[in-house]
N, C-alpha and C. Protein backbone atom coordinates (compact mmCIF):
# COMPACT_ATOMS: atom_id res chain seq x y z
N MET A 1 24.95 -1.91 -19.48
CA MET A 1 23.99 -0.58 -20.52
C MET A 1 24.48 0.37 -21.00
N ILE A 2 25.95 0.90 -20.77
CA ILE A 2 26.36 1.67 -22.07
C ILE A 2 27.70 0.84 -23.55
N ALA A 3 28.14 0.12 -22.32
CA ALA A 3 29.31 -0.93 -23.16
C ALA A 3 28.36 -1.34 -24.12
N ARG A 4 27.48 -1.82 -24.08
CA ARG A 4 26.09 -2.28 -24.81
C ARG A 4 26.28 -1.84 -26.26
N VAL A 5 25.08 0.00 -25.66
CA VAL A 5 24.74 0.16 -26.43
C VAL A 5 25.94 1.06 -27.12
N ILE A 6 27.38 1.59 -27.09
CA ILE A 6 28.12 1.51 -27.32
C ILE A 6 28.70 0.47 -28.66
N ALA A 7 28.62 -1.08 -27.93
CA ALA A 7 29.14 -2.01 -28.75
C ALA A 7 28.13 -1.88 -30.02
N ALA A 8 27.22 -1.68 -30.25
CA ALA A 8 25.07 -1.91 -31.17
C ALA A 8 26.10 -0.65 -32.06
N ALA A 9 26.56 -0.09 -31.48
CA ALA A 9 26.92 1.10 -32.62
C ALA A 9 27.66 1.01 -33.31
N ALA A 10 28.90 0.65 -32.27
CA ALA A 10 30.38 -0.51 -34.55
C ALA A 10 29.75 -0.23 -35.56
N VAL A 11 30.84 -0.50 -36.26
CA VAL A 11 30.71 -0.81 -37.30
C VAL A 11 31.77 -2.01 -38.02
N VAL A 12 31.77 -2.62 -38.68
CA VAL A 12 32.94 -3.90 -38.58
C VAL A 12 34.03 -3.33 -39.67
N VAL A 13 34.82 -2.76 -39.84
CA VAL A 13 35.94 -2.22 -40.64
C VAL A 13 37.67 -2.71 -39.66
N ALA A 14 38.33 -1.85 -41.01
CA ALA A 14 39.69 -2.19 -40.53
C ALA A 14 39.95 -1.97 -39.36
N LEU A 15 40.53 -1.69 -39.04
CA LEU A 15 41.91 -0.91 -37.33
C LEU A 15 42.88 -0.40 -37.98
N VAL A 16 43.00 0.28 -39.60
CA VAL A 16 44.20 1.34 -39.76
C VAL A 16 44.18 2.14 -40.08
N SER A 17 45.09 3.37 -40.28
CA SER A 17 44.93 4.58 -40.03
C SER A 17 44.63 4.99 -41.62
N ALA A 18 44.17 6.03 -40.87
CA ALA A 18 43.34 6.50 -42.22
C ALA A 18 43.99 6.84 -43.28
N ALA A 19 45.74 7.19 -42.99
CA ALA A 19 46.04 8.29 -44.26
C ALA A 19 47.28 7.60 -44.42
N ASP A 20 46.80 6.11 -44.97
CA ASP A 20 47.49 4.47 -45.49
C ASP A 20 46.75 4.68 -46.87
N ALA A 21 47.51 4.37 -47.47
CA ALA A 21 47.05 4.54 -49.42
C ALA A 21 45.50 3.78 -50.20
N ALA A 22 45.82 2.18 -48.89
CA ALA A 22 44.93 1.10 -48.72
C ALA A 22 43.58 1.57 -48.40
N PRO A 23 42.83 1.02 -49.04
CA PRO A 23 40.63 1.52 -48.24
C PRO A 23 40.64 0.57 -47.08
N TRP A 24 40.04 1.13 -46.81
CA TRP A 24 39.69 0.41 -44.86
C TRP A 24 38.98 -1.35 -45.27
N ALA A 25 38.66 -1.87 -44.75
CA ALA A 25 37.83 -3.15 -45.46
C ALA A 25 36.50 -2.99 -44.18
N TRP A 26 35.32 -3.74 -45.14
CA TRP A 26 33.77 -2.97 -44.55
C TRP A 26 33.26 -4.27 -44.25
N LEU A 27 32.65 -4.85 -43.66
CA LEU A 27 31.47 -6.24 -43.75
C LEU A 27 30.40 -4.86 -44.04
N GLY A 28 30.03 -4.43 -43.60
CA GLY A 28 28.50 -3.21 -43.18
C GLY A 28 27.64 -3.80 -42.71
N VAL A 29 28.24 -4.06 -41.01
CA VAL A 29 27.24 -4.33 -39.91
C VAL A 29 27.23 -3.71 -38.92
N ARG A 30 26.08 -3.73 -37.97
CA ARG A 30 26.65 -2.67 -36.89
C ARG A 30 26.46 -4.10 -35.54
N ILE A 31 26.90 -4.28 -34.26
CA ILE A 31 28.34 -5.27 -33.82
C ILE A 31 26.71 -5.01 -32.45
N ARG A 32 27.45 -6.46 -31.32
CA ARG A 32 27.44 -6.23 -29.58
C ARG A 32 27.99 -7.72 -29.22
N ASP A 33 28.75 -6.83 -28.20
CA ASP A 33 29.62 -8.13 -27.65
C ASP A 33 27.80 -8.95 -27.09
N LEU A 34 28.09 -10.17 -26.64
CA LEU A 34 27.44 -10.68 -25.74
C LEU A 34 26.58 -10.68 -24.59
N SER A 35 25.91 -10.65 -23.75
CA SER A 35 25.65 -10.18 -22.47
C SER A 35 25.97 -11.39 -21.46
N GLU A 36 26.50 -11.41 -20.29
CA GLU A 36 26.42 -13.61 -19.36
C GLU A 36 25.63 -14.09 -20.23
N GLN A 37 24.09 -13.71 -19.40
CA GLN A 37 23.43 -14.96 -19.89
C GLN A 37 22.62 -15.18 -21.00
N GLU A 38 23.18 -14.52 -22.21
CA GLU A 38 23.17 -14.42 -23.79
C GLU A 38 24.82 -15.32 -23.61
N MET A 39 25.93 -15.30 -23.32
CA MET A 39 26.09 -16.49 -23.04
C MET A 39 26.66 -17.93 -22.60
N ASN A 40 26.08 -18.07 -21.08
CA ASN A 40 25.91 -19.13 -21.31
C ASN A 40 24.04 -20.23 -22.09
N ASP A 41 22.97 -19.23 -22.89
CA ASP A 41 22.28 -19.40 -23.08
C ASP A 41 22.74 -20.32 -25.03
N VAL A 42 24.34 -19.54 -24.75
CA VAL A 42 24.60 -20.40 -26.18
C VAL A 42 25.16 -21.57 -25.68
N THR A 43 25.45 -21.31 -24.29
CA THR A 43 26.51 -22.82 -24.37
C THR A 43 25.84 -24.16 -24.24
N ALA A 44 24.55 -23.57 -23.82
CA ALA A 44 23.78 -25.11 -23.02
C ALA A 44 23.10 -24.99 -24.80
N ARG A 45 22.70 -24.30 -25.81
CA ARG A 45 22.43 -24.32 -27.40
C ARG A 45 22.89 -25.15 -28.13
N HIS A 46 24.67 -24.14 -28.24
CA HIS A 46 25.19 -25.09 -29.01
C HIS A 46 26.40 -26.36 -29.18
N GLY A 47 26.28 -26.29 -27.43
CA GLY A 47 27.63 -27.64 -27.47
C GLY A 47 28.85 -26.85 -26.95
N ILE A 48 29.04 -25.04 -27.03
CA ILE A 48 30.03 -24.75 -27.16
C ILE A 48 30.57 -24.96 -25.81
N ARG A 49 32.00 -24.90 -25.35
CA ARG A 49 32.50 -25.11 -23.67
C ARG A 49 32.14 -23.59 -23.17
N GLU A 50 32.34 -22.27 -23.77
CA GLU A 50 32.50 -21.00 -23.59
C GLU A 50 31.87 -20.64 -24.25
N GLY A 51 30.52 -19.87 -23.41
CA GLY A 51 29.62 -19.46 -25.12
C GLY A 51 30.66 -17.84 -24.63
N PHE A 52 30.58 -17.85 -26.48
CA PHE A 52 31.09 -16.61 -26.94
C PHE A 52 30.85 -16.34 -28.30
N GLY A 53 30.93 -15.54 -29.16
CA GLY A 53 31.04 -14.37 -30.01
C GLY A 53 29.88 -13.27 -29.93
N VAL A 54 29.65 -12.89 -32.02
CA VAL A 54 29.76 -11.49 -31.96
C VAL A 54 28.17 -11.15 -32.17
N MET A 55 27.17 -10.39 -31.62
CA MET A 55 25.80 -10.50 -32.21
C MET A 55 25.81 -8.74 -33.09
N ILE A 56 24.96 -10.04 -33.92
CA ILE A 56 24.86 -8.88 -35.43
C ILE A 56 23.38 -7.73 -34.99
N VAL A 57 23.84 -5.96 -34.77
CA VAL A 57 22.26 -6.18 -34.77
C VAL A 57 21.43 -5.42 -35.05
N GLU A 58 22.24 -5.50 -36.57
CA GLU A 58 21.50 -4.93 -37.99
C GLU A 58 22.56 -4.82 -38.88
N VAL A 59 22.39 -5.62 -40.26
CA VAL A 59 22.69 -5.76 -41.34
C VAL A 59 22.96 -5.00 -42.00
N LEU A 60 23.58 -3.66 -42.54
CA LEU A 60 23.50 -2.42 -43.53
C LEU A 60 22.63 -2.68 -44.53
N GLU A 61 21.83 -2.69 -45.64
CA GLU A 61 21.95 -2.23 -46.30
C GLU A 61 22.77 -2.11 -47.69
N ASP A 62 22.92 -2.35 -49.01
CA ASP A 62 23.57 -2.82 -49.76
C ASP A 62 25.37 -3.09 -49.43
N SER A 63 24.99 -3.44 -48.31
CA SER A 63 26.65 -3.95 -47.96
C SER A 63 27.60 -5.31 -48.30
N PRO A 64 28.24 -4.88 -48.04
CA PRO A 64 28.46 -6.66 -48.43
C PRO A 64 28.27 -8.69 -47.44
N ALA A 65 27.34 -7.56 -45.57
CA ALA A 65 27.05 -8.54 -44.74
C ALA A 65 24.78 -9.07 -46.25
N ALA A 66 25.30 -8.16 -46.73
CA ALA A 66 23.46 -7.79 -46.71
C ALA A 66 23.42 -8.95 -48.05
N LYS A 67 24.67 -8.56 -49.11
CA LYS A 67 24.95 -8.91 -50.48
C LYS A 67 25.64 -10.95 -50.08
N SER A 68 25.30 -11.39 -49.01
CA SER A 68 25.41 -12.27 -48.69
C SER A 68 25.16 -12.72 -48.33
N GLY A 69 23.67 -12.30 -47.59
CA GLY A 69 22.85 -13.72 -46.58
C GLY A 69 22.93 -13.74 -45.67
N LEU A 70 23.48 -12.49 -44.16
CA LEU A 70 23.59 -12.36 -42.93
C LEU A 70 22.26 -11.85 -42.63
N LYS A 71 22.17 -11.97 -40.96
CA LYS A 71 20.96 -11.51 -40.80
C LYS A 71 20.85 -10.87 -39.71
N ASN A 72 20.13 -9.89 -39.42
CA ASN A 72 20.00 -9.60 -37.39
C ASN A 72 19.99 -10.58 -36.93
N GLY A 73 20.63 -11.05 -35.90
CA GLY A 73 20.28 -11.74 -34.55
C GLY A 73 21.15 -13.49 -35.06
N ASP A 74 22.21 -12.59 -36.43
CA ASP A 74 23.49 -13.97 -36.53
C ASP A 74 24.91 -14.27 -35.14
N LEU A 75 25.13 -14.88 -34.29
CA LEU A 75 25.91 -14.59 -33.58
C LEU A 75 27.07 -15.49 -34.67
N VAL A 76 28.47 -14.48 -34.90
CA VAL A 76 29.31 -14.94 -35.80
C VAL A 76 30.49 -15.04 -34.50
N VAL A 77 30.71 -16.42 -35.25
CA VAL A 77 31.37 -17.44 -33.75
C VAL A 77 33.05 -17.81 -34.85
N ALA A 78 33.18 -16.73 -36.20
CA ALA A 78 34.98 -17.32 -36.35
C ALA A 78 34.67 -16.60 -37.33
N LEU A 79 35.65 -16.15 -38.45
CA LEU A 79 35.96 -15.96 -39.11
C LEU A 79 37.32 -16.77 -40.23
N ASP A 80 37.33 -17.40 -41.05
CA ASP A 80 37.87 -17.96 -41.57
C ASP A 80 38.58 -19.26 -40.52
N GLU A 81 37.80 -19.93 -40.13
CA GLU A 81 38.12 -20.94 -39.28
C GLU A 81 38.64 -19.56 -37.53
N ARG A 82 38.94 -18.56 -37.22
CA ARG A 82 39.88 -17.72 -36.83
C ARG A 82 38.72 -17.88 -35.44
N PRO A 83 38.19 -18.09 -34.74
CA PRO A 83 37.14 -17.90 -33.44
C PRO A 83 37.27 -15.85 -32.80
N VAL A 84 36.45 -15.40 -33.02
CA VAL A 84 35.22 -14.53 -32.99
C VAL A 84 34.61 -14.37 -31.13
N THR A 85 35.68 -14.42 -30.78
CA THR A 85 35.41 -13.55 -28.77
C THR A 85 34.98 -11.91 -29.01
N GLU A 86 34.74 -11.16 -29.28
CA GLU A 86 33.99 -10.30 -29.00
C GLU A 86 34.05 -8.73 -30.18
N THR A 87 34.19 -7.64 -30.12
CA THR A 87 33.28 -7.41 -31.03
C THR A 87 35.29 -6.86 -31.18
N ARG A 88 36.01 -6.78 -30.80
CA ARG A 88 36.90 -6.33 -30.88
C ARG A 88 37.59 -7.70 -32.18
N VAL A 89 37.79 -8.14 -31.33
CA VAL A 89 38.20 -8.94 -32.73
C VAL A 89 37.94 -9.42 -33.68
N LEU A 90 36.55 -9.70 -34.36
CA LEU A 90 36.71 -9.42 -35.08
C LEU A 90 36.62 -8.28 -36.43
N GLN A 91 36.82 -7.14 -35.45
CA GLN A 91 36.66 -5.59 -36.20
C GLN A 91 39.26 -6.29 -36.77
N ARG A 92 39.49 -7.03 -36.21
CA ARG A 92 40.57 -6.48 -36.12
C ARG A 92 41.04 -8.08 -37.17
N LEU A 93 40.13 -9.14 -37.10
CA LEU A 93 40.71 -9.46 -38.28
C LEU A 93 39.50 -9.68 -40.15
N ILE A 94 38.41 -8.26 -39.72
CA ILE A 94 38.73 -7.99 -41.09
C ILE A 94 40.02 -6.68 -41.82
N ALA A 95 40.73 -6.34 -40.75
CA ALA A 95 41.81 -5.81 -40.43
C ALA A 95 42.65 -6.41 -41.65
N ALA A 96 42.47 -7.28 -41.20
CA ALA A 96 43.91 -8.46 -40.77
C ALA A 96 43.41 -8.18 -42.75
N ALA A 97 42.59 -9.21 -43.20
CA ALA A 97 41.14 -9.36 -44.37
C ALA A 97 41.86 -8.89 -45.62
N GLY A 98 41.35 -7.65 -45.92
CA GLY A 98 41.67 -6.65 -46.39
C GLY A 98 40.48 -6.36 -47.90
N PRO A 99 39.88 -5.37 -48.33
CA PRO A 99 38.94 -5.22 -49.60
C PRO A 99 38.93 -6.10 -49.98
N GLY A 100 38.41 -6.66 -50.42
CA GLY A 100 38.30 -7.64 -51.67
C GLY A 100 38.70 -8.91 -51.73
N ARG A 101 39.20 -9.28 -50.09
CA ARG A 101 38.96 -11.15 -49.80
C ARG A 101 37.84 -11.08 -49.94
N GLU A 102 38.24 -12.46 -50.28
CA GLU A 102 36.46 -12.98 -49.75
C GLU A 102 36.46 -14.21 -48.26
N THR A 103 35.98 -14.56 -47.47
CA THR A 103 36.41 -14.84 -46.25
C THR A 103 35.04 -15.45 -46.16
N LYS A 104 36.05 -16.03 -45.18
CA LYS A 104 33.81 -17.58 -44.79
C LYS A 104 33.43 -16.94 -43.23
N LEU A 105 32.53 -16.41 -42.92
CA LEU A 105 32.29 -16.32 -41.50
C LEU A 105 31.60 -17.69 -41.43
N THR A 106 31.77 -17.83 -39.46
CA THR A 106 31.01 -18.99 -39.22
C THR A 106 29.96 -18.18 -37.93
N VAL A 107 28.73 -19.18 -38.88
CA VAL A 107 27.71 -18.40 -37.81
C VAL A 107 26.30 -19.08 -37.12
N LEU A 108 25.50 -19.15 -35.86
CA LEU A 108 25.15 -19.67 -35.56
C LEU A 108 23.39 -19.30 -35.36
N ARG A 109 22.35 -19.91 -36.22
CA ARG A 109 21.39 -19.38 -35.82
C ARG A 109 20.09 -20.78 -35.66
N ALA A 110 19.21 -20.87 -35.76
CA ALA A 110 17.85 -21.53 -34.46
C ALA A 110 18.13 -23.04 -35.13
N ALA A 111 19.02 -22.49 -36.51
CA ALA A 111 18.82 -23.90 -37.04
C ALA A 111 20.27 -24.53 -37.25
N GLY A 112 21.04 -23.86 -36.15
CA GLY A 112 22.03 -24.66 -36.31
C GLY A 112 23.70 -23.77 -36.49
N ARG A 113 24.36 -24.08 -36.10
CA ARG A 113 25.69 -23.54 -37.53
C ARG A 113 25.79 -24.31 -38.95
N GLU A 114 26.29 -22.48 -39.13
CA GLU A 114 26.46 -22.75 -41.16
C GLU A 114 27.10 -21.64 -40.88
N ARG A 115 27.67 -21.96 -42.67
CA ARG A 115 28.65 -21.26 -43.00
C ARG A 115 29.03 -19.58 -43.50
N VAL A 116 29.28 -18.91 -44.62
CA VAL A 116 28.13 -17.60 -45.08
C VAL A 116 30.07 -17.66 -45.38
N ASP A 117 29.85 -16.61 -47.14
CA ASP A 117 31.22 -16.23 -47.64
C ASP A 117 30.71 -15.13 -47.95
N VAL A 118 31.71 -14.18 -47.38
CA VAL A 118 31.95 -13.18 -47.64
C VAL A 118 32.46 -12.63 -48.80
N ARG A 119 32.56 -11.63 -49.51
CA ARG A 119 33.33 -10.55 -50.15
C ARG A 119 33.14 -9.00 -49.76
N LEU A 120 34.78 -9.11 -49.10
CA LEU A 120 34.34 -7.83 -48.33
C LEU A 120 35.07 -6.22 -49.74
N ALA A 121 34.54 -5.49 -49.12
CA ALA A 121 34.11 -4.11 -49.82
C ALA A 121 35.01 -3.34 -49.04
N ALA A 122 35.97 -2.11 -50.31
CA ALA A 122 36.14 -0.92 -49.18
C ALA A 122 35.49 -0.72 -48.55
N MET A 123 35.54 0.55 -47.43
CA MET A 123 34.36 1.15 -46.98
C MET A 123 33.70 2.66 -47.54
N PRO A 124 32.45 2.80 -46.87
CA PRO A 124 32.54 4.21 -46.95
C PRO A 124 33.39 5.46 -46.57
N ARG A 125 33.11 6.31 -47.56
CA ARG A 125 33.85 7.39 -46.37
C ARG A 125 33.18 7.88 -44.61
N ALA A 126 31.71 7.86 -45.15
CA ALA A 126 31.39 8.05 -44.66
C ALA A 126 31.59 7.94 -42.98
N VAL A 127 31.58 6.20 -43.74
CA VAL A 127 31.30 5.03 -42.33
C VAL A 127 33.32 5.31 -41.56
N VAL A 128 34.09 5.26 -42.77
CA VAL A 128 35.17 5.92 -42.20
C VAL A 128 35.54 7.03 -41.13
N GLY A 129 34.70 8.28 -41.03
CA GLY A 129 35.19 9.19 -40.21
C GLY A 129 34.09 8.76 -38.93
N GLU A 130 32.80 7.60 -39.20
CA GLU A 130 32.16 7.40 -37.65
C GLU A 130 33.39 5.92 -36.83
N ARG A 131 34.71 5.61 -37.55
CA ARG A 131 34.68 4.54 -38.14
C ARG A 131 35.79 5.24 -36.38
N ILE A 132 36.82 6.35 -36.93
CA ILE A 132 37.38 6.93 -36.85
C ILE A 132 36.96 8.02 -35.49
N ALA A 133 35.72 8.41 -35.08
CA ALA A 133 35.53 8.85 -33.83
C ALA A 133 35.47 7.37 -33.05
N ALA A 134 34.78 6.49 -33.10
CA ALA A 134 34.82 5.48 -32.15
C ALA A 134 35.88 4.61 -31.74
N GLU A 135 36.60 4.74 -32.44
CA GLU A 135 38.47 4.54 -31.40
C GLU A 135 38.98 5.45 -30.82
N PHE A 136 38.53 7.04 -30.88
CA PHE A 136 38.59 7.96 -29.98
C PHE A 136 38.28 8.12 -29.12
N GLY A 137 36.90 7.35 -29.21
CA GLY A 137 35.81 7.34 -27.57
C GLY A 137 35.52 8.27 -28.04
N PHE A 138 34.50 8.40 -29.24
CA PHE A 138 33.10 9.17 -28.80
C PHE A 138 31.84 8.64 -29.56
N ILE A 139 30.99 8.94 -29.79
CA ILE A 139 29.91 8.48 -31.06
C ILE A 139 28.83 9.90 -30.96
N VAL A 140 28.58 9.85 -32.22
CA VAL A 140 27.98 11.41 -32.61
C VAL A 140 26.68 10.53 -32.96
N ARG A 141 25.47 11.47 -32.43
CA ARG A 141 24.07 11.15 -32.29
C ARG A 141 23.33 12.10 -33.87
N GLU A 142 22.36 11.04 -34.01
CA GLU A 142 21.57 11.42 -35.65
C GLU A 142 20.58 12.82 -35.10
N PRO A 143 20.49 13.89 -35.57
CA PRO A 143 19.68 15.07 -35.17
C PRO A 143 18.26 14.84 -34.91
N GLU A 144 18.38 14.55 -33.56
CA GLU A 144 16.14 14.73 -33.63
C GLU A 144 15.22 14.96 -35.04
N PRO A 145 14.56 15.05 -35.38
CA PRO A 145 13.63 15.21 -36.23
C PRO A 145 13.51 16.53 -35.66
N ALA A 146 12.48 17.15 -35.42
CA ALA A 146 12.50 18.72 -34.53
C ALA A 146 13.39 19.29 -33.23
N GLY A 147 14.32 18.68 -33.12
CA GLY A 147 15.42 19.23 -33.03
C GLY A 147 16.60 19.92 -33.45
N PRO A 148 17.32 20.31 -32.31
CA PRO A 148 18.50 21.32 -33.63
C PRO A 148 19.50 20.18 -34.01
N THR A 149 20.04 20.58 -35.93
CA THR A 149 21.64 20.23 -36.43
C THR A 149 22.09 20.24 -36.26
N THR A 150 22.82 20.82 -35.26
CA THR A 150 24.10 20.95 -35.13
C THR A 150 24.32 19.16 -33.93
N PRO A 151 25.83 18.68 -34.81
CA PRO A 151 26.21 17.90 -34.53
C PRO A 151 26.50 18.00 -32.57
N ALA A 152 26.69 16.93 -32.02
CA ALA A 152 26.65 17.12 -30.70
C ALA A 152 26.39 15.27 -30.31
N ILE A 153 27.56 14.70 -29.00
CA ILE A 153 27.85 13.44 -29.23
C ILE A 153 27.16 12.78 -28.46
N SER A 154 26.76 11.40 -28.79
CA SER A 154 25.72 10.96 -28.03
C SER A 154 26.30 9.85 -26.91
N ALA A 155 27.74 9.64 -27.49
CA ALA A 155 28.00 8.39 -26.23
C ALA A 155 29.57 8.68 -26.03
N ILE A 156 30.08 8.36 -25.61
CA ILE A 156 31.39 8.58 -24.10
C ILE A 156 32.11 7.21 -23.92
N ILE A 157 32.72 6.45 -24.95
CA ILE A 157 33.24 5.24 -24.42
C ILE A 157 34.80 5.38 -23.05
N ARG A 158 34.13 4.26 -21.77
CA ARG A 158 35.06 4.36 -21.17
C ARG A 158 35.75 4.18 -21.15
N ARG A 159 37.61 4.38 -20.38
CA ARG A 159 39.31 4.50 -20.71
C ARG A 159 39.49 4.73 -21.85
N SER A 160 38.43 5.59 -22.90
CA SER A 160 39.16 6.06 -24.23
C SER A 160 39.87 6.93 -23.92
N PRO A 161 40.20 8.07 -25.11
CA PRO A 161 40.67 9.70 -24.89
C PRO A 161 39.90 10.23 -25.10
N ALA A 162 38.87 9.99 -25.85
CA ALA A 162 37.48 10.46 -25.10
C ALA A 162 37.40 11.26 -23.69
N GLU A 163 37.03 10.47 -22.76
CA GLU A 163 37.07 10.27 -21.61
C GLU A 163 38.28 10.92 -20.36
N ARG A 164 39.62 10.52 -21.36
CA ARG A 164 39.87 11.11 -20.69
C ARG A 164 40.16 12.28 -20.89
N ALA A 165 40.41 13.46 -21.82
CA ALA A 165 40.17 14.22 -21.98
C ALA A 165 38.70 14.83 -21.24
N GLY A 166 38.46 14.67 -21.03
CA GLY A 166 37.22 14.99 -19.88
C GLY A 166 35.97 15.30 -21.45
N LEU A 167 35.91 15.17 -22.67
CA LEU A 167 34.55 14.56 -23.51
C LEU A 167 33.12 14.10 -22.84
N GLU A 168 32.18 14.76 -22.88
CA GLU A 168 30.40 14.53 -22.13
C GLU A 168 29.38 14.03 -22.76
N ALA A 169 28.76 13.17 -23.00
CA ALA A 169 27.85 13.07 -23.54
C ALA A 169 26.91 14.35 -23.89
N GLY A 170 26.97 15.06 -24.43
CA GLY A 170 25.79 16.39 -24.90
C GLY A 170 26.78 17.33 -25.13
N ASP A 171 27.76 17.66 -25.15
CA ASP A 171 28.68 18.31 -26.37
C ASP A 171 28.49 18.43 -27.81
N VAL A 172 28.62 19.71 -28.23
CA VAL A 172 27.94 20.54 -29.49
C VAL A 172 29.36 19.55 -29.91
N ILE A 173 29.82 19.34 -30.82
CA ILE A 173 31.26 19.81 -31.75
C ILE A 173 31.39 21.08 -33.02
N LEU A 174 31.99 21.45 -32.19
CA LEU A 174 32.46 22.82 -32.77
C LEU A 174 32.94 22.43 -34.28
N GLN A 175 34.88 22.06 -33.73
CA GLN A 175 35.03 21.75 -34.82
C GLN A 175 36.27 20.65 -34.95
N ILE A 176 36.34 20.48 -36.40
CA ILE A 176 38.12 18.88 -35.59
C ILE A 176 38.50 19.29 -36.46
N ASN A 177 39.76 19.17 -36.19
CA ASN A 177 41.19 19.87 -35.63
C ASN A 177 40.94 21.15 -36.54
N ASP A 178 41.25 21.91 -37.38
CA ASP A 178 41.04 22.90 -37.91
C ASP A 178 39.37 23.87 -38.94
N GLN A 179 38.96 22.71 -38.89
CA GLN A 179 36.94 22.28 -39.66
C GLN A 179 36.53 22.96 -38.77
N THR A 180 35.60 23.97 -39.39
CA THR A 180 34.54 24.16 -38.55
C THR A 180 33.20 23.33 -39.80
N VAL A 181 32.87 22.70 -38.17
CA VAL A 181 31.48 21.89 -39.08
C VAL A 181 30.29 22.31 -38.34
N THR A 182 28.95 21.65 -39.02
CA THR A 182 27.74 22.33 -38.67
C THR A 182 26.85 21.70 -38.26
N THR A 183 27.59 20.31 -39.20
CA THR A 183 26.22 18.68 -38.61
C THR A 183 26.46 17.73 -38.87
N ARG A 184 25.82 17.09 -39.18
CA ARG A 184 26.86 15.45 -38.75
C ARG A 184 27.42 14.91 -40.01
N GLU A 185 27.84 15.48 -40.98
CA GLU A 185 27.59 14.91 -42.03
C GLU A 185 29.62 15.74 -42.70
N ALA A 186 29.15 16.53 -41.65
CA ALA A 186 30.84 17.11 -42.19
C ALA A 186 31.84 16.78 -40.32
N VAL A 187 30.81 15.91 -39.74
CA VAL A 187 31.45 15.47 -38.40
C VAL A 187 32.32 14.37 -39.63
N ARG A 188 31.34 13.90 -39.75
CA ARG A 188 32.45 12.29 -40.30
C ARG A 188 32.97 13.26 -41.47
N GLU A 189 32.84 13.58 -42.95
CA GLU A 189 33.80 13.84 -43.13
C GLU A 189 35.40 14.24 -43.27
N ALA A 190 34.94 15.65 -42.07
CA ALA A 190 36.12 15.79 -41.52
C ALA A 190 36.97 14.43 -40.40
N LEU A 191 36.02 13.73 -40.14
CA LEU A 191 37.00 13.04 -39.17
C LEU A 191 37.63 11.74 -40.39
N ALA A 192 37.27 11.88 -41.74
CA ALA A 192 37.42 10.32 -42.46
C ALA A 192 39.12 11.23 -42.66
N ASP A 193 38.99 12.29 -42.56
CA ASP A 193 40.56 13.08 -43.13
C ASP A 193 41.06 13.45 -42.66
N ALA A 194 41.20 12.49 -40.92
CA ALA A 194 41.74 12.88 -40.07
C ALA A 194 42.73 11.47 -39.47
N SER A 195 44.10 11.60 -39.11
CA SER A 195 44.53 9.98 -39.13
C SER A 195 44.37 9.35 -37.43
N LEU A 196 44.74 7.82 -37.55
CA LEU A 196 45.06 7.31 -35.86
C LEU A 196 46.83 7.45 -35.65
N GLU A 197 47.08 7.67 -36.52
CA GLU A 197 48.87 8.26 -36.13
C GLU A 197 48.66 9.39 -35.35
N SER A 198 48.39 10.00 -35.21
CA SER A 198 48.04 11.64 -34.87
C SER A 198 46.83 12.29 -33.99
N PRO A 199 47.30 12.72 -33.65
CA PRO A 199 46.23 13.87 -32.21
C PRO A 199 45.25 13.93 -33.42
N LEU A 200 44.14 14.22 -32.54
CA LEU A 200 42.59 15.04 -33.03
C LEU A 200 42.41 16.01 -32.18
N ARG A 201 43.00 17.09 -32.64
CA ARG A 201 41.85 18.51 -31.62
C ARG A 201 40.28 18.34 -31.68
N ILE A 202 39.95 18.77 -31.52
CA ILE A 202 37.96 18.72 -31.52
C ILE A 202 38.28 20.10 -30.28
N THR A 203 36.76 20.98 -31.21
CA THR A 203 36.73 21.96 -29.97
C THR A 203 34.82 21.86 -30.42
N ILE A 204 34.58 22.54 -28.59
CA ILE A 204 33.42 21.71 -28.35
C ILE A 204 32.43 22.89 -26.95
N GLY A 205 31.18 22.82 -27.98
CA GLY A 205 30.91 23.72 -26.93
C GLY A 205 30.09 23.49 -25.77
N ARG A 206 29.28 23.49 -24.72
CA ARG A 206 28.91 23.00 -23.19
C ARG A 206 28.95 24.75 -22.67
N GLY A 207 27.71 24.62 -22.51
CA GLY A 207 27.52 25.71 -21.64
C GLY A 207 27.64 26.52 -22.34
N GLY A 208 27.22 27.20 -23.53
CA GLY A 208 27.96 27.80 -23.89
C GLY A 208 29.17 28.66 -23.67
N ILE A 209 29.70 27.70 -23.41
CA ILE A 209 31.89 27.65 -22.89
C ILE A 209 32.25 26.83 -23.84
N ARG A 210 33.29 26.97 -24.81
CA ARG A 210 33.85 26.79 -26.11
C ARG A 210 35.33 26.37 -25.78
N LEU A 211 34.81 24.62 -25.84
CA LEU A 211 36.64 24.02 -25.00
C LEU A 211 37.03 23.54 -26.07
N SER A 212 38.07 23.43 -25.92
CA SER A 212 38.98 22.82 -27.24
C SER A 212 39.92 21.34 -26.92
N VAL A 213 40.51 20.74 -26.99
CA VAL A 213 40.77 19.31 -26.27
C VAL A 213 41.83 18.53 -27.85
N VAL A 214 43.34 18.10 -27.66
CA VAL A 214 43.45 17.68 -27.96
C VAL A 214 43.64 15.28 -27.05
N LEU A 215 43.22 14.91 -28.65
CA LEU A 215 42.60 13.69 -28.61
C LEU A 215 44.12 12.95 -28.82
N LYS A 216 44.45 11.46 -27.87
CA LYS A 216 45.34 10.67 -28.58
C LYS A 216 45.52 9.61 -27.96
N LEU A 217 45.60 8.95 -29.67
CA LEU A 217 45.88 6.90 -29.17
C LEU A 217 46.92 6.87 -28.37
N PRO A 218 47.06 5.44 -27.77
CA PRO A 218 48.07 4.73 -27.12
C PRO A 218 49.11 4.91 -28.45
N GLY A 219 50.11 5.77 -27.87
CA GLY A 219 51.62 5.30 -28.78
C GLY A 219 52.02 6.11 -30.21
N THR A 220 50.66 6.70 -30.14
CA THR A 220 50.69 8.29 -31.44
C THR A 220 51.41 9.41 -30.28
N GLY A 221 52.21 10.09 -31.70
CA GLY A 221 52.83 11.69 -30.87
C GLY A 221 51.43 12.28 -29.95
């Protein structure tokens, strides 16, 4: 269940360092992997030998996906004829394409298989921050309307740097690197300035205790 929540929160983006000069590519959808039952259904309904693909949970407003006619519930099975078997594959294919590139997505709908032309765009800065967080293994929740506005971690991705460092859902984020943050927007801004090629220093509050940890991606310093 947790894995599906994490996948649904992922925004399709390029997987490159935020320090790179080129902007990240952006499709503008929230996606998730298929369950085993859904894979079996795809196999039976569409005649694919092994059911696979990535489900679009939400098409973001005014995004390349919205402008191209992609819809909630579309099942993406290929990008430029390259098979899309899971969320990470689609993310990496978007990364390889880059912003401004014309791409062709193959999607499965109730009416059958369709091709959708999409021009990828440069990713908005706030979304860059969300993606940096996801790469390090945590997701920051939106504050409840009547609850506290302090930014807190809503989920930890399994086997991620965040999990290995001991971060937990519910931890309140106090600092990103050397920058104090008091809102979710401030967290995203601070993360957008971070790099996937360098460790991320994060300070959290938990039960009245202040803790600082360092998150590192595999292969980085």
